[in-house]
Amino acid sequence: MVLHTIENDPEYINLQAEMVKMQQWIKDSNKRLLVIFEGRDAAGKGGAIMRFIRFLNPRYYRVVALAKPTESEAGQWYFQRYIDKLPNAGEIVFFDRSWYNRAVVEPVMNFCTEDQYNLFLQQVTQLERMLVEDGIIIIKFWFSIDINEQKKRLEERKSNPLIQWKLSTVDMQAQLKWDDFTRYKELMFAKTGTKTCPWIVVKGNNKDNARKEAMRYVLENIDYSPKGLTGVRLKANTDIVSVLGI
C-alpha cells in the first residue's frame, strides 16, 4: 500500500523523473556527485535515499553504508575506507552515514578518543576542500527530528518485524543521550560547515516533506540539462531546508 501511494504521487514521480535526467547528465558529462546523509537515529536518512534512487539507473549510482571498521581498517587513516568509495566519473554515490560518524556518534558513544576527534575536525574540511577542487560535487544533508518524533520511530522499529533490523546499540542510547548528541551536532555544524561544503539541514518530522525538499535541493543546485521539463517545483522550501556554512 505504501509503495502504491508513492508511485501514484505525481509530485514524487516528477521529482524522480528530474533525478533520472540529472543522472543522465552526470553520466554524459563525466561529473562526480557525492550526497552525504547524516542525522540522528531514525531521522529518515535511509528512506530519503530510497526516494532518490527509486528510478535511477543502477549502473551509475552506489549507496554506501559502511559497517563497523574491521580490525585492519581500525589501524588505517580514518578517511581511508571512505576514500575508496568516492564516485567515479559519471557516477553518483549516496553515503548513508559517512566520515561524520566521528563528529557525533563516536564521541557520544566513546568509540573514539578526544585526540582522534580533534584530528578529525582539523582534517575533514581540508579533505572536502581538496575533493571539491578536484571536481567532486558534495552535498551534505543533516535530517533533523525532535525528541518525541525519534521516540515514536524507535518504538515502531521495536514492534515492526519488517524494520527491526534497523535497531542498533546506538539506537538504544539515542533518547538517553539526546543532549550529548545535540552538543556534538552543534559543534560539528560550527566546525565543518563551510562555504565550500555547507551543511544542508532538513526538517524531518514530516517524512514526505523532508524527502521531497531534499530532492529539490539537489536538483536546484545541479546545473543539469534538460532541466525542469516536468514543471515540478525545483526550488527547495526554505522553511524546511536551511543552509549552514561559514
Protein backbone atom coordinates (compact mmCIF):
# COMPACT_ATOMS: atom_id res chain seq x y z
CA MET A 1 0.00 0.00 0.00
CA VAL A 2 2.83 2.42 0.82
CA LEU A 3 4.60 1.78 -2.48
CA HIS A 4 1.31 2.14 -4.35
CA THR A 5 0.76 5.55 -2.73
CA ILE A 6 4.28 6.71 -3.59
CA GLU A 7 4.08 5.62 -7.20
CA ASN A 8 0.79 7.45 -7.65
CA ASP A 9 2.02 10.70 -6.14
CA PRO A 10 2.63 12.91 -9.22
CA GLU A 11 5.00 15.18 -7.32
CA TYR A 12 7.25 12.24 -6.40
CA ILE A 13 7.10 10.92 -9.94
CA ASN A 14 8.06 14.29 -11.44
CA LEU A 15 10.90 14.80 -8.97
CA GLN A 16 12.19 11.32 -9.70
CA ALA A 17 11.92 11.97 -13.44
CA GLU A 18 14.13 15.03 -12.90
CA MET A 19 16.54 12.84 -10.91
CA VAL A 20 16.79 10.47 -13.88
CA LYS A 21 17.61 13.40 -16.18
CA MET A 22 20.19 14.68 -13.71
CA GLN A 23 21.82 11.26 -13.52
CA GLN A 24 22.00 11.02 -17.30
CA TRP A 25 23.67 14.44 -17.45
CA ILE A 26 26.19 13.41 -14.79
CA LYS A 27 26.97 10.25 -16.76
CA ASP A 28 27.26 12.03 -20.12
CA SER A 29 29.44 14.84 -18.74
CA ASN A 30 31.61 12.60 -16.53
CA LYS A 31 30.72 14.56 -13.41
CA ARG A 32 31.04 13.09 -9.90
CA LEU A 33 28.37 13.67 -7.26
CA LEU A 34 28.60 12.69 -3.59
CA VAL A 35 25.48 13.13 -1.45
CA ILE A 36 26.01 12.63 2.28
CA PHE A 37 23.04 11.74 4.50
CA GLU A 38 23.52 12.36 8.21
CA GLY A 39 21.19 12.82 11.16
CA ARG A 40 20.08 11.32 14.42
CA ASP A 41 18.97 7.70 14.60
CA ALA A 42 15.57 7.23 12.91
CA ALA A 43 15.79 10.67 11.27
CA GLY A 44 14.82 9.25 7.87
CA LYS A 45 18.16 9.05 6.06
CA GLY A 46 17.61 5.61 4.55
CA GLY A 47 14.06 6.36 3.46
CA ALA A 48 15.18 9.55 1.77
CA ILE A 49 17.89 7.70 -0.15
CA MET A 50 15.29 5.18 -1.33
CA ARG A 51 13.25 8.04 -2.83
CA PHE A 52 16.30 9.48 -4.56
CA ILE A 53 17.27 6.21 -6.25
CA ARG A 54 13.79 4.81 -6.98
CA PHE A 55 14.12 5.06 -10.77
CA LEU A 56 17.84 5.71 -11.23
CA ASN A 57 19.98 3.51 -13.46
CA PRO A 58 21.74 1.15 -11.00
CA ARG A 59 24.84 1.04 -13.20
CA TYR A 60 25.67 4.64 -12.42
CA TYR A 61 24.98 5.08 -8.73
CA ARG A 62 26.02 3.41 -5.47
CA VAL A 63 24.65 3.53 -1.93
CA VAL A 64 27.44 3.25 0.64
CA ALA A 65 26.54 2.26 4.21
CA LEU A 66 29.74 1.08 5.86
CA ALA A 67 29.66 -1.26 8.84
CA LYS A 68 31.84 -1.00 11.93
CA PRO A 69 35.52 -0.84 10.91
CA THR A 70 37.34 -4.14 10.74
CA GLU A 71 40.49 -4.64 12.80
CA SER A 72 42.55 -3.83 9.71
CA GLU A 73 40.51 -0.70 8.91
CA ALA A 74 40.77 0.49 12.51
CA GLY A 75 44.53 0.76 12.02
CA GLN A 76 44.26 2.83 8.83
CA TRP A 77 43.99 6.57 8.33
CA TYR A 78 40.41 7.30 9.41
CA PHE A 79 39.25 8.51 5.98
CA GLN A 80 40.88 5.69 4.02
CA ARG A 81 37.92 3.35 3.74
CA TYR A 82 35.65 6.23 2.70
CA ILE A 83 38.08 7.49 0.06
CA ASP A 84 37.83 4.09 -1.60
CA LYS A 85 34.05 4.58 -2.03
CA LEU A 86 34.08 8.04 -3.67
CA PRO A 87 32.28 8.45 -7.00
CA ASN A 88 33.97 7.63 -10.27
CA ALA A 89 33.47 9.73 -13.39
CA GLY A 90 29.81 9.74 -14.42
CA GLU A 91 28.61 8.35 -11.09
CA ILE A 92 26.51 9.37 -8.08
CA VAL A 93 27.35 7.99 -4.64
CA PHE A 94 24.99 8.26 -1.68
CA PHE A 95 26.61 7.94 1.76
CA ASP A 96 24.15 6.57 4.33
CA ARG A 97 26.19 7.98 7.19
CA SER A 98 29.75 8.95 6.43
CA TRP A 99 33.04 10.08 7.90
CA TYR A 100 30.92 12.34 10.11
CA ASN A 101 30.36 9.35 12.40
CA ARG A 102 33.50 10.66 14.08
CA ALA A 103 31.94 14.08 14.63
CA VAL A 104 28.86 12.94 16.58
CA VAL A 105 28.19 9.23 17.13
CA GLU A 106 31.73 8.20 18.02
CA PRO A 107 32.45 10.84 20.67
CA VAL A 108 28.98 10.47 22.21
CA MET A 109 29.37 6.70 22.45
CA ASN A 110 33.07 6.82 23.40
CA PHE A 111 34.04 4.97 20.22
CA CYS A 112 36.97 7.35 19.63
CA THR A 113 39.48 9.26 21.74
CA GLU A 114 39.45 13.02 22.20
CA ASP A 115 42.66 13.26 20.15
CA GLN A 116 41.06 11.29 17.30
CA TYR A 117 38.00 13.54 17.43
CA ASN A 118 40.07 16.75 17.34
CA LEU A 119 42.24 15.44 14.50
CA PHE A 120 39.12 14.62 12.51
CA LEU A 121 37.85 18.19 12.88
CA GLN A 122 41.19 19.51 11.66
CA GLN A 123 41.33 17.23 8.63
CA VAL A 124 37.75 16.93 7.36
CA THR A 125 37.38 20.45 5.98
CA GLN A 126 40.77 20.16 4.27
CA LEU A 127 39.75 16.84 2.74
CA GLU A 128 36.42 18.17 1.48
CA ARG A 129 38.11 21.25 0.02
CA MET A 130 40.55 19.03 -1.89
CA LEU A 131 37.75 16.82 -3.20
CA VAL A 132 35.76 19.82 -4.41
CA GLU A 133 38.88 21.32 -6.01
CA ASP A 134 39.32 18.02 -7.85
CA GLY A 135 35.80 18.36 -9.26
CA ILE A 136 33.62 16.27 -6.94
CA ILE A 137 30.26 17.87 -6.17
CA ILE A 138 29.49 17.33 -2.47
CA ILE A 139 26.12 17.88 -0.81
CA LYS A 140 25.87 17.26 2.96
CA PHE A 141 22.41 16.70 4.42
CA TRP A 142 21.52 16.63 8.11
CA PHE A 143 18.00 15.31 8.71
CA SER A 144 16.63 16.88 11.89
CA ILE A 145 13.83 15.48 14.06
CA ASP A 146 12.62 16.31 17.55
CA ILE A 147 12.91 14.04 20.58
CA ASN A 148 9.28 12.92 20.55
CA GLU A 149 9.34 12.02 16.86
CA GLN A 150 12.50 10.00 17.37
CA LYS A 151 10.91 8.16 20.29
CA LYS A 152 7.88 7.27 18.16
CA ARG A 153 10.02 5.97 15.30
CA LEU A 154 12.29 3.93 17.58
CA GLU A 155 9.25 2.32 19.19
CA GLU A 156 7.99 1.41 15.73
CA ARG A 157 11.31 -0.26 14.97
CA LYS A 158 10.95 -2.38 18.08
CA SER A 159 7.42 -3.51 17.24
CA ASN A 160 7.54 -3.83 13.44
CA PRO A 161 9.26 -7.06 12.32
CA LEU A 162 9.94 -5.58 8.87
CA ILE A 163 12.23 -2.88 10.27
CA GLN A 164 13.61 -4.46 13.43
CA TRP A 165 16.91 -4.94 11.58
CA LYS A 166 17.38 -1.17 11.80
CA LEU A 167 17.76 -1.28 15.59
CA SER A 168 21.32 -0.99 16.86
CA THR A 169 23.12 -0.49 20.15
CA VAL A 170 23.41 3.19 19.28
CA ASP A 171 19.65 3.41 18.68
CA MET A 172 19.04 2.14 22.19
CA GLN A 173 21.05 5.06 23.60
CA ALA A 174 19.63 7.75 21.31
CA GLN A 175 16.98 9.04 23.70
CA LEU A 176 19.12 8.75 26.82
CA LYS A 177 21.96 10.68 25.20
CA TRP A 178 19.81 13.21 23.33
CA ASP A 179 21.55 16.24 24.85
CA ASP A 180 25.02 14.81 24.15
CA PHE A 181 24.09 14.24 20.52
CA THR A 182 22.80 17.81 20.34
CA ARG A 183 26.02 19.26 21.75
CA TYR A 184 28.26 17.40 19.30
CA LYS A 185 25.90 18.12 16.40
CA GLU A 186 26.14 21.86 17.06
CA LEU A 187 29.94 21.65 17.33
CA MET A 188 30.01 19.78 14.02
CA PHE A 189 27.94 22.46 12.31
CA ALA A 190 30.20 25.20 13.71
CA LYS A 191 33.48 23.48 12.81
CA THR A 192 32.69 21.80 9.49
CA GLY A 193 30.03 23.90 7.78
CA THR A 194 31.97 25.87 5.16
CA LYS A 195 31.21 27.91 2.05
CA THR A 196 32.72 25.07 0.04
CA CYS A 197 30.72 22.34 1.80
CA PRO A 198 27.88 23.81 3.88
CA TRP A 199 25.51 21.70 5.92
CA ILE A 200 22.01 21.42 4.48
CA VAL A 201 19.65 20.94 7.41
CA VAL A 202 16.31 19.31 6.55
CA LYS A 203 13.41 19.41 8.99
CA GLY A 204 12.44 15.76 9.05
CA ASN A 205 9.42 15.31 11.32
CA ASN A 206 7.25 15.05 8.20
CA LYS A 207 8.96 12.35 6.15
CA ASP A 208 7.35 13.13 2.80
CA ASN A 209 8.09 16.84 3.00
CA ALA A 210 11.68 16.18 4.07
CA ARG A 211 12.32 13.73 1.24
CA LYS A 212 10.79 15.92 -1.44
CA GLU A 213 12.57 19.08 -0.31
CA ALA A 214 15.92 17.26 -0.11
CA MET A 215 15.42 16.04 -3.68
CA ARG A 216 14.51 19.56 -4.74
CA TYR A 217 17.65 20.98 -3.13
CA VAL A 218 19.89 18.63 -5.11
CA LEU A 219 18.04 19.25 -8.37
CA GLU A 220 18.07 23.01 -7.80
CA ASN A 221 21.83 23.07 -7.24
CA ILE A 222 22.96 20.81 -10.09
CA ASP A 223 23.08 22.53 -13.49
CA TYR A 224 21.92 19.50 -15.47
CA SER A 225 20.26 19.72 -18.85
CA PRO A 226 17.46 19.45 -19.85
CA LYS A 227 16.12 20.76 -16.55
CA GLY A 228 12.61 21.43 -15.32
CA LEU A 229 10.69 19.93 -18.23
CA THR A 230 8.28 18.19 -15.85
CA GLY A 231 7.14 21.54 -14.49
CA VAL A 232 7.61 20.38 -10.89
CA ARG A 233 8.88 22.95 -8.40
CA LEU A 234 12.66 22.62 -8.08
CA LYS A 235 13.35 25.40 -5.61
CA ALA A 236 13.58 23.99 -2.10
CA ASN A 237 11.24 25.33 0.58
CA THR A 238 13.42 27.40 2.92
CA ASP A 239 11.01 26.73 5.78
CA ILE A 240 12.11 23.08 5.59
CA VAL A 241 15.65 23.31 4.16
CA SER A 242 18.30 25.64 5.52
CA VAL A 243 21.98 26.11 4.64
CA LEU A 244 24.59 26.32 7.40
CA GLY A 245 28.05 27.42 6.29
CA ILE A 246 30.84 29.71 7.41
